[in-house]
C-alpha cells in the first residue's frame, strides 16, 4: 500500500488471496482500487476454495490464476490484462 499511496506508477498488481498480516489479497485490491480505479490485478491462491471466486468479486480488470501455475500460464494472464 505504501507504494500505491506514494503515487509510484505501476501497471499491474499481482497478489495472493491469503497473505500474512491480517489483510487478504481481496481486501488489498479493494483498498488499491480506491486510490487507483481500473488498476489491473492478478489474484492467485493454492486454496481450492478460492477457485470459485466470481468475476464480479474480482472486478473487471482482474484475472484469477490458481496455484500451482507455470511460467506460461502466468505470462498469459499478465499479457491478457496488460493488453486490455
Protein backbone atom coordinates (compact mmCIF):
# COMPACT_ATOMS: atom_id res chain seq x y z
CA UNK A 1 0.00 0.00 0.00
CA UNK A 2 2.90 2.36 0.68
CA UNK A 3 3.98 2.21 -2.97
CA UNK A 4 0.42 2.85 -4.13
CA UNK A 5 -0.07 5.73 -1.68
CA UNK A 6 3.20 7.37 -2.78
CA UNK A 7 1.85 7.54 -6.31
CA UNK A 8 4.52 5.34 -7.81
CA UNK A 9 3.46 4.24 -11.29
CA UNK A 10 2.58 0.57 -11.61
CA UNK A 11 0.81 -1.28 -14.40
CA UNK A 12 -0.47 -4.31 -12.53
CA UNK A 13 -0.84 -5.76 -9.03
CA UNK A 14 -0.10 -9.46 -8.50
CA UNK A 15 -1.37 -10.69 -5.14
CA UNK A 16 -2.04 -13.91 -3.33
CA UNK A 17 -5.50 -14.08 -1.80
CA UNK A 18 -4.11 -15.36 1.52
CA UNK A 19 -1.35 -13.19 2.97
CA UNK A 20 0.30 -12.87 6.37
CA UNK A 21 -0.51 -9.88 8.50
CA UNK A 22 -4.28 -9.96 8.52
CA UNK A 23 -5.12 -8.43 5.12
CA UNK A 24 -6.30 -10.65 2.29
CA UNK A 25 -5.46 -10.04 -1.35
CA UNK A 26 -9.11 -9.17 -1.97
CA UNK A 27 -9.00 -6.55 0.81
CA UNK A 28 -5.76 -5.21 -0.63
CA UNK A 29 -7.34 -4.96 -4.07
CA UNK A 30 -10.34 -3.10 -2.63
CA UNK A 31 -8.06 -0.55 -0.95
CA UNK A 32 -5.86 -0.20 -4.03
CA UNK A 33 -8.88 0.38 -6.26
CA UNK A 34 -9.93 3.29 -4.02
CA UNK A 35 -6.68 5.03 -4.99
CA UNK A 36 -6.27 3.60 -8.47
CA UNK A 37 -9.56 2.60 -10.05
CA UNK A 38 -9.04 0.38 -13.05
CA UNK A 39 -5.65 -0.95 -11.96
CA UNK A 40 -5.25 -4.42 -13.38
CA UNK A 41 -4.93 -7.19 -10.78
CA UNK A 42 -3.95 -10.85 -10.93
CA UNK A 43 -5.12 -12.86 -7.93
CA UNK A 44 -3.60 -16.23 -7.07
CA UNK A 45 -4.04 -18.88 -4.39
CA UNK A 46 -3.33 -22.52 -3.78
CA UNK A 47 -6.54 -22.97 -1.82
CA UNK A 48 -9.25 -24.71 -3.83
CA UNK A 49 -11.99 -22.73 -2.07
CA UNK A 50 -10.91 -19.58 -3.90
CA UNK A 51 -11.07 -21.17 -7.36
CA UNK A 52 -14.77 -20.36 -7.46
CA UNK A 53 -14.41 -16.62 -6.87
CA UNK A 54 -16.80 -14.89 -9.21
CA UNK A 55 -15.58 -12.33 -11.69
CA UNK A 56 -17.78 -9.66 -10.08
CA UNK A 57 -15.89 -10.27 -6.83
CA UNK A 58 -12.54 -9.91 -8.57
CA UNK A 59 -13.53 -6.95 -10.73
CA UNK A 60 -13.47 -6.16 -14.41
CA UNK A 61 -9.73 -5.57 -14.71
CA UNK A 62 -8.77 -8.73 -12.85
CA UNK A 63 -7.78 -12.30 -13.57
CA UNK A 64 -7.71 -15.43 -11.40
CA UNK A 65 -4.69 -17.73 -11.55
CA UNK A 66 -4.82 -20.87 -9.40
CA UNK A 67 -1.71 -22.49 -7.96
CA UNK A 68 0.29 -24.30 -8.95
CA UNK A 69 0.83 -22.46 -12.21
CA UNK A 70 3.70 -22.40 -14.60
CA UNK A 71 5.53 -19.55 -16.23
CA UNK A 72 3.44 -19.87 -19.40
CA UNK A 73 0.15 -19.52 -17.50
CA UNK A 74 1.47 -16.54 -15.57
CA UNK A 75 2.72 -14.93 -18.75
CA UNK A 76 -0.65 -15.47 -20.47
CA UNK A 77 -2.57 -13.95 -17.55
CA UNK A 78 -0.29 -10.91 -17.41
CA UNK A 79 -0.38 -10.42 -21.17
CA UNK A 80 -4.19 -10.71 -21.27
CA UNK A 81 -4.63 -7.96 -18.69
CA UNK A 82 -1.88 -5.67 -19.90
CA UNK A 83 -3.19 -5.84 -23.49
CA UNK A 84 -6.67 -4.64 -22.44
